[in-house]
Amino acid sequence: MAALIAASVHNESSRSRHPGAWIVSGPTEEHTGVLAEGPALDLLLASTPGLSLRPATPLERLLGRAAEPGDLP
């Protein structure tokens, strides 16, 4: 939540170029399966080249991260 607020202040807006929540994957373990949205997503994409995006599923939005095989019973 702090990252979202800081990014909103930095961008002077709570709006993003990408509506909704996205799962961000990249070349390093640090950015694999990260859920991001709003201006925090924009800052992440601007600061780290080579990231790929896919829309987050409803389960991933609830979990706050990428879903893993053991998440569903």
PDB file of N, CA and C in Angstrom:
ATOM      1  N   MET A   1       0.821  -1.186   0.000  1.00  0.00           N
ATOM      2  CA  MET A   1       0.000   0.000   0.000  1.00  0.00           C
ATOM      3  C   MET A   1       0.866   1.251   0.000  1.00  0.00           C
ATOM      4  N   ALA A   2       1.967   1.207   0.740  1.00  0.00           N
ATOM      5  CA  ALA A   2       2.861   2.358   0.792  1.00  0.00           C
ATOM      6  C   ALA A   2       3.449   2.663  -0.579  1.00  0.00           C
ATOM      7  N   ALA A   3       3.775   1.610  -1.345  1.00  0.00           N
ATOM      8  CA  ALA A   3       4.321   1.817  -2.693  1.00  0.00           C
ATOM      9  C   ALA A   3       3.286   2.472  -3.594  1.00  0.00           C
ATOM     10  N   LEU A   4       2.026   2.095  -3.455  1.00  0.00           N
ATOM     11  CA  LEU A   4       0.965   2.680  -4.270  1.00  0.00           C
ATOM     12  C   LEU A   4       0.781   4.157  -3.935  1.00  0.00           C
ATOM     13  N   ILE A   5       0.808   4.492  -2.660  1.00  0.00           N
ATOM     14  CA  ILE A   5       0.674   5.892  -2.245  1.00  0.00           C
ATOM     15  C   ILE A   5       1.881   6.704  -2.710  1.00  0.00           C
ATOM     16  N   ALA A   6       3.087   6.161  -2.523  1.00  0.00           N
ATOM     17  CA  ALA A   6       4.293   6.877  -2.946  1.00  0.00           C
ATOM     18  C   ALA A   6       4.289   7.109  -4.455  1.00  0.00           C
ATOM     19  N   ALA A   7       3.862   6.119  -5.226  1.00  0.00           N
ATOM     20  CA  ALA A   7       3.807   6.268  -6.680  1.00  0.00           C
ATOM     21  C   ALA A   7       2.748   7.282  -7.085  1.00  0.00           C
ATOM     22  N   SER A   8       1.633   7.316  -6.377  1.00  0.00           N
ATOM     23  CA  SER A   8       0.588   8.296  -6.667  1.00  0.00           C
ATOM     24  C   SER A   8       1.093   9.709  -6.424  1.00  0.00           C
ATOM     25  N   VAL A   9       1.829   9.895  -5.335  1.00  0.00           N
ATOM     26  CA  VAL A   9       2.396  11.209  -5.027  1.00  0.00           C
ATOM     27  C   VAL A   9       3.445  11.573  -6.077  1.00  0.00           C
ATOM     28  N   HIS A  10       4.292  10.620  -6.438  1.00  0.00           N
ATOM     29  CA  HIS A  10       5.336  10.870  -7.435  1.00  0.00           C
ATOM     30  C   HIS A  10       4.737  11.271  -8.782  1.00  0.00           C
ATOM     31  N   ASN A  11       3.678  10.584  -9.198  1.00  0.00           N
ATOM     32  CA  ASN A  11       3.029  10.855 -10.491  1.00  0.00           C
ATOM     33  C   ASN A  11       1.989  11.960 -10.414  1.00  0.00           C
ATOM     34  N   GLU A  12       1.704  12.430  -9.216  1.00  0.00           N
ATOM     35  CA  GLU A  12       0.679  13.449  -8.970  1.00  0.00           C
ATOM     36  C   GLU A  12      -0.692  13.002  -9.458  1.00  0.00           C
ATOM     37  N   SER A  13      -0.922  11.690  -9.436  1.00  0.00           N
ATOM     38  CA  SER A  13      -2.201  11.133  -9.852  1.00  0.00           C
ATOM     39  C   SER A  13      -2.308   9.695  -9.356  1.00  0.00           C
ATOM     40  N   SER A  14      -3.524   9.271  -9.091  1.00  0.00           N
ATOM     41  CA  SER A  14      -3.733   7.863  -8.747  1.00  0.00           C
ATOM     42  C   SER A  14      -4.095   7.060  -9.988  1.00  0.00           C
ATOM     43  N   ARG A  15      -4.134   7.700 -11.130  1.00  0.00           N
ATOM     44  CA  ARG A  15      -4.474   7.017 -12.391  1.00  0.00           C
ATOM     45  C   ARG A  15      -3.241   6.376 -13.004  1.00  0.00           C
ATOM     46  N   SER A  16      -3.500   5.381 -13.811  1.00  0.00           N
ATOM     47  CA  SER A  16      -2.437   4.629 -14.464  1.00  0.00           C
ATOM     48  C   SER A  16      -2.726   4.524 -15.949  1.00  0.00           C
ATOM     49  N   ARG A  17      -1.698   4.216 -16.712  1.00  0.00           N
ATOM     50  CA  ARG A  17      -1.910   3.952 -18.134  1.00  0.00           C
ATOM     51  C   ARG A  17      -2.490   2.560 -18.345  1.00  0.00           C
ATOM     52  N   HIS A  18      -2.382   1.684 -17.360  1.00  0.00           N
ATOM     53  CA  HIS A  18      -2.865   0.305 -17.461  1.00  0.00           C
ATOM     54  C   HIS A  18      -3.975   0.091 -16.424  1.00  0.00           C
ATOM     55  N   PRO A  19      -5.236   0.067 -16.833  1.00  0.00           N
ATOM     56  CA  PRO A  19      -6.306  -0.143 -15.855  1.00  0.00           C
ATOM     57  C   PRO A  19      -6.293  -1.566 -15.301  1.00  0.00           C
ATOM     58  N   GLY A  20      -6.639  -1.706 -14.056  1.00  0.00           N
ATOM     59  CA  GLY A  20      -6.731  -3.021 -13.428  1.00  0.00           C
ATOM     60  C   GLY A  20      -5.417  -3.500 -12.841  1.00  0.00           C
ATOM     61  N   ALA A  21      -5.436  -4.715 -12.340  1.00  0.00           N
ATOM     62  CA  ALA A  21      -4.262  -5.337 -11.724  1.00  0.00           C
ATOM     63  C   ALA A  21      -3.579  -6.237 -12.741  1.00  0.00           C
ATOM     64  N   TRP A  22      -2.236  -6.262 -12.691  1.00  0.00           N
ATOM     65  CA  TRP A  22      -1.434  -7.022 -13.650  1.00  0.00           C
ATOM     66  C   TRP A  22      -0.396  -7.846 -12.920  1.00  0.00           C
ATOM     67  N   ILE A  23      -0.069  -9.008 -13.488  1.00  0.00           N
ATOM     68  CA  ILE A  23       1.036  -9.819 -12.996  1.00  0.00           C
ATOM     69  C   ILE A  23       2.251  -9.467 -13.845  1.00  0.00           C
ATOM     70  N   VAL A  24       3.318  -9.056 -13.163  1.00  0.00           N
ATOM     71  CA  VAL A  24       4.538  -8.629 -13.838  1.00  0.00           C
ATOM     72  C   VAL A  24       5.567  -9.734 -13.721  1.00  0.00           C
ATOM     73  N   SER A  25       6.152 -10.097 -14.843  1.00  0.00           N
ATOM     74  CA  SER A  25       7.213 -11.102 -14.864  1.00  0.00           C
ATOM     75  C   SER A  25       8.409 -10.519 -15.586  1.00  0.00           C
ATOM     76  N   GLY A  26       9.585 -10.871 -15.096  1.00  0.00           N
ATOM     77  CA  GLY A  26      10.788 -10.339 -15.706  1.00  0.00           C
ATOM     78  C   GLY A  26      11.924 -11.334 -15.719  1.00  0.00           C
ATOM     79  N   PRO A  27      13.079 -10.844 -16.118  1.00  0.00           N
ATOM     80  CA  PRO A  27      14.236 -11.728 -16.255  1.00  0.00           C
ATOM     81  C   PRO A  27      14.841 -12.169 -14.921  1.00  0.00           C
ATOM     82  N   THR A  28      14.489 -11.522 -13.825  1.00  0.00           N
ATOM     83  CA  THR A  28      15.067 -11.880 -12.528  1.00  0.00           C
ATOM     84  C   THR A  28      13.992 -12.408 -11.592  1.00  0.00           C
ATOM     85  N   GLU A  29      14.404 -13.128 -10.565  1.00  0.00           N
ATOM     86  CA  GLU A  29      13.465 -13.653  -9.563  1.00  0.00           C
ATOM     87  C   GLU A  29      12.737 -12.528  -8.829  1.00  0.00           C
ATOM     88  N   GLU A  30      13.367 -11.378  -8.719  1.00  0.00           N
ATOM     89  CA  GLU A  30      12.782 -10.254  -7.984  1.00  0.00           C
ATOM     90  C   GLU A  30      11.459  -9.799  -8.584  1.00  0.00           C
ATOM     91  N   HIS A  31      11.302  -9.920  -9.898  1.00  0.00           N
ATOM     92  CA  HIS A  31      10.108  -9.437 -10.573  1.00  0.00           C
ATOM     93  C   HIS A  31       9.279 -10.560 -11.177  1.00  0.00           C
ATOM     94  N   THR A  32       9.309 -11.740 -10.606  1.00  0.00           N
ATOM     95  CA  THR A  32       8.531 -12.849 -11.140  1.00  0.00           C
ATOM     96  C   THR A  32       7.262 -13.033 -10.324  1.00  0.00           C
ATOM     97  N   GLY A  33       6.139 -12.891 -10.965  1.00  0.00           N
ATOM     98  CA  GLY A  33       4.866 -13.113 -10.303  1.00  0.00           C
ATOM     99  C   GLY A  33       4.444 -12.000  -9.365  1.00  0.00           C
ATOM    100  N   VAL A  34       4.885 -10.773  -9.627  1.00  0.00           N
ATOM    101  CA  VAL A  34       4.527  -9.632  -8.789  1.00  0.00           C
ATOM    102  C   VAL A  34       3.211  -9.057  -9.284  1.00  0.00           C
ATOM    103  N   LEU A  35       2.284  -8.809  -8.365  1.00  0.00           N
ATOM    104  CA  LEU A  35       1.037  -8.160  -8.720  1.00  0.00           C
ATOM    105  C   LEU A  35       1.220  -6.661  -8.528  1.00  0.00           C
ATOM    106  N   ALA A  36       0.900  -5.892  -9.553  1.00  0.00           N
ATOM    107  CA  ALA A  36       1.045  -4.439  -9.473  1.00  0.00           C
ATOM    108  C   ALA A  36      -0.123  -3.786 -10.185  1.00  0.00           C
ATOM    109  N   GLU A  37      -0.451  -2.563  -9.738  1.00  0.00           N
ATOM    110  CA  GLU A  37      -1.513  -1.810 -10.375  1.00  0.00           C
ATOM    111  C   GLU A  37      -1.289  -0.325 -10.151  1.00  0.00           C
ATOM    112  N   GLY A  38      -2.010   0.470 -10.900  1.00  0.00           N
ATOM    113  CA  GLY A  38      -1.951   1.912 -10.732  1.00  0.00           C
ATOM    114  C   GLY A  38      -0.588   2.502 -11.049  1.00  0.00           C
ATOM    115  N   PRO A  39      -0.287   3.630 -10.433  1.00  0.00           N
ATOM    116  CA  PRO A  39       0.973   4.303 -10.717  1.00  0.00           C
ATOM    117  C   PRO A  39       2.198   3.496 -10.288  1.00  0.00           C
ATOM    118  N   ALA A  40       2.035   2.596  -9.337  1.00  0.00           N
ATOM    119  CA  ALA A  40       3.175   1.739  -8.952  1.00  0.00           C
ATOM    120  C   ALA A  40       3.571   0.840 -10.126  1.00  0.00           C
ATOM    121  N   LEU A  41       2.600   0.364 -10.880  1.00  0.00           N
ATOM    122  CA  LEU A  41       2.878  -0.439 -12.073  1.00  0.00           C
ATOM    123  C   LEU A  41       3.617   0.399 -13.108  1.00  0.00           C
ATOM    124  N   ASP A  42       3.163   1.638 -13.326  1.00  0.00           N
ATOM    125  CA  ASP A  42       3.830   2.516 -14.284  1.00  0.00           C
ATOM    126  C   ASP A  42       5.287   2.759 -13.896  1.00  0.00           C
ATOM    127  N   LEU A  43       5.547   3.009 -12.602  1.00  0.00           N
ATOM    128  CA  LEU A  43       6.926   3.227 -12.155  1.00  0.00           C
ATOM    129  C   LEU A  43       7.769   1.964 -12.312  1.00  0.00           C
ATOM    130  N   LEU A  44       7.206   0.820 -12.007  1.00  0.00           N
ATOM    131  CA  LEU A  44       7.932  -0.442 -12.154  1.00  0.00           C
ATOM    132  C   LEU A  44       8.308  -0.686 -13.613  1.00  0.00           C
ATOM    133  N   LEU A  45       7.373  -0.444 -14.521  1.00  0.00           N
ATOM    134  CA  LEU A  45       7.646  -0.641 -15.945  1.00  0.00           C
ATOM    135  C   LEU A  45       8.687   0.355 -16.456  1.00  0.00           C
ATOM    136  N   ALA A  46       8.640   1.588 -15.957  1.00  0.00           N
ATOM    137  CA  ALA A  46       9.600   2.602 -16.398  1.00  0.00           C
ATOM    138  C   ALA A  46      11.004   2.330 -15.865  1.00  0.00           C
ATOM    139  N   SER A  47      11.106   1.743 -14.681  1.00  0.00           N
ATOM    140  CA  SER A  47      12.411   1.556 -14.054  1.00  0.00           C
ATOM    141  C   SER A  47      13.074   0.226 -14.417  1.00  0.00           C
ATOM    142  N   THR A  48      12.309  -0.729 -14.931  1.00  0.00           N
ATOM    143  CA  THR A  48      12.862  -2.055 -15.220  1.00  0.00           C
ATOM    144  C   THR A  48      12.486  -2.485 -16.633  1.00  0.00           C
ATOM    145  N   PRO A  49      13.404  -2.342 -17.584  1.00  0.00           N
ATOM    146  CA  PRO A  49      13.083  -2.753 -18.952  1.00  0.00           C
ATOM    147  C   PRO A  49      12.987  -4.277 -19.081  1.00  0.00           C
ATOM    148  N   GLY A  50      12.223  -4.731 -20.044  1.00  0.00           N
ATOM    149  CA  GLY A  50      12.128  -6.157 -20.333  1.00  0.00           C
ATOM    150  C   GLY A  50      11.088  -6.913 -19.532  1.00  0.00           C
ATOM    151  N   LEU A  51      10.226  -6.227 -18.808  1.00  0.00           N
ATOM    152  CA  LEU A  51       9.180  -6.904 -18.051  1.00  0.00           C
ATOM    153  C   LEU A  51       8.012  -7.248 -18.966  1.00  0.00           C
ATOM    154  N   SER A  52       7.350  -8.354 -18.675  1.00  0.00           N
ATOM    155  CA  SER A  52       6.146  -8.715 -19.424  1.00  0.00           C
ATOM    156  C   SER A  52       4.947  -8.645 -18.491  1.00  0.00           C
ATOM    157  N   LEU A  53       3.785  -8.404 -19.064  1.00  0.00           N
ATOM    158  CA  LEU A  53       2.547  -8.247 -18.287  1.00  0.00           C
ATOM    159  C   LEU A  53       1.494  -9.223 -18.763  1.00  0.00           C
ATOM    160  N   ARG A  54       0.652  -9.605 -17.809  1.00  0.00           N
ATOM    161  CA  ARG A  54      -0.580 -10.316 -18.148  1.00  0.00           C
ATOM    162  C   ARG A  54      -1.616  -9.899 -17.120  1.00  0.00           C
ATOM    163  N   PRO A  55      -2.884  -9.846 -17.503  1.00  0.00           N
ATOM    164  CA  PRO A  55      -3.916  -9.454 -16.539  1.00  0.00           C
ATOM    165  C   PRO A  55      -3.970 -10.437 -15.364  1.00  0.00           C
ATOM    166  N   ALA A  56      -4.165  -9.921 -14.176  1.00  0.00           N
ATOM    167  CA  ALA A  56      -4.300 -10.765 -12.993  1.00  0.00           C
ATOM    168  C   ALA A  56      -5.685 -11.406 -12.969  1.00  0.00           C
ATOM    169  N   THR A  57      -5.744 -12.650 -12.541  1.00  0.00           N
ATOM    170  CA  THR A  57      -7.030 -13.340 -12.400  1.00  0.00           C
ATOM    171  C   THR A  57      -7.705 -12.859 -11.112  1.00  0.00           C
ATOM    172  N   PRO A  58      -8.993 -13.119 -10.944  1.00  0.00           N
ATOM    173  CA  PRO A  58      -9.648 -12.735  -9.696  1.00  0.00           C
ATOM    174  C   PRO A  58      -8.964 -13.344  -8.457  1.00  0.00           C
ATOM    175  N   LEU A  59      -8.515 -14.598  -8.536  1.00  0.00           N
ATOM    176  CA  LEU A  59      -7.817 -15.223  -7.414  1.00  0.00           C
ATOM    177  C   LEU A  59      -6.515 -14.483  -7.108  1.00  0.00           C
ATOM    178  N   GLU A  60      -5.776 -14.113  -8.131  1.00  0.00           N
ATOM    179  CA  GLU A  60      -4.511 -13.405  -7.920  1.00  0.00           C
ATOM    180  C   GLU A  60      -4.738 -12.031  -7.312  1.00  0.00           C
ATOM    181  N   ARG A  61      -5.822 -11.369  -7.693  1.00  0.00           N
ATOM    182  CA  ARG A  61      -6.130 -10.074  -7.073  1.00  0.00           C
ATOM    183  C   ARG A  61      -6.416 -10.246  -5.598  1.00  0.00           C
ATOM    184  N   LEU A  62      -7.086 -11.322  -5.226  1.00  0.00           N
ATOM    185  CA  LEU A  62      -7.345 -11.588  -3.804  1.00  0.00           C
ATOM    186  C   LEU A  62      -6.070 -11.952  -3.052  1.00  0.00           C
ATOM    187  N   LEU A  63      -5.201 -12.753  -3.677  1.00  0.00           N
ATOM    188  CA  LEU A  63      -3.962 -13.180  -3.033  1.00  0.00           C
ATOM    189  C   LEU A  63      -2.921 -12.061  -2.968  1.00  0.00           C
ATOM    190  N   GLY A  64      -2.962 -11.155  -3.937  1.00  0.00           N
ATOM    191  CA  GLY A  64      -1.968 -10.095  -4.004  1.00  0.00           C
ATOM    192  C   GLY A  64      -0.650 -10.559  -4.621  1.00  0.00           C
ATOM    193  N   ARG A  65      -0.698 -11.670  -5.333  1.00  0.00           N
ATOM    194  CA  ARG A  65       0.491 -12.224  -5.984  1.00  0.00           C
ATOM    195  C   ARG A  65       0.035 -13.204  -7.060  1.00  0.00           C
ATOM    196  N   ALA A  66       1.008 -13.697  -7.823  1.00  0.00           N
ATOM    197  CA  ALA A  66       0.682 -14.696  -8.841  1.00  0.00           C
ATOM    198  C   ALA A  66       0.220 -15.993  -8.173  1.00  0.00           C
ATOM    199  N   ALA A  67      -0.750 -16.631  -8.763  1.00  0.00           N
ATOM    200  CA  ALA A  67      -1.248 -17.889  -8.232  1.00  0.00           C
ATOM    201  C   ALA A  67      -0.227 -19.008  -8.461  1.00  0.00           C
ATOM    202  N   GLU A  68      -0.180 -19.917  -7.523  1.00  0.00           N
ATOM    203  CA  GLU A  68       0.715 -21.083  -7.603  1.00  0.00           C
ATOM    204  C   GLU A  68      -0.141 -22.337  -7.615  1.00  0.00           C
ATOM    205  N   PRO A  69       0.407 -23.473  -8.045  1.00  0.00           N
ATOM    206  CA  PRO A  69      -0.392 -24.697  -8.165  1.00  0.00           C
ATOM    207  C   PRO A  69      -1.130 -25.101  -6.883  1.00  0.00           C
ATOM    208  N   GLY A  70      -0.592 -24.887  -5.724  1.00  0.00           N
ATOM    209  CA  GLY A  70      -1.243 -25.315  -4.485  1.00  0.00           C
ATOM    210  C   GLY A  70      -2.242 -24.337  -3.906  1.00  0.00           C
ATOM    211  N   ASP A  71      -2.541 -23.245  -4.594  1.00  0.00           N
ATOM    212  CA  ASP A  71      -3.447 -22.216  -4.063  1.00  0.00           C
ATOM    213  C   ASP A  71      -4.894 -22.640  -4.067  1.00  0.00           C
ATOM    214  N   LEU A  72      -5.271 -23.543  -4.953  1.00  0.00           N
ATOM    215  CA  LEU A  72      -6.659 -24.017  -4.985  1.00  0.00           C
ATOM    216  C   LEU A  72      -6.719 -25.424  -4.403  1.00  0.00           C
ATOM    217  N   PRO A  73      -7.724 -25.698  -3.575  1.00  0.00           N
ATOM    218  CA  PRO A  73      -7.840 -27.039  -2.985  1.00  0.00           C
ATOM    219  C   PRO A  73      -8.227 -28.089  -3.992  1.00  0.00           C
TER     220      PRO A  73
END
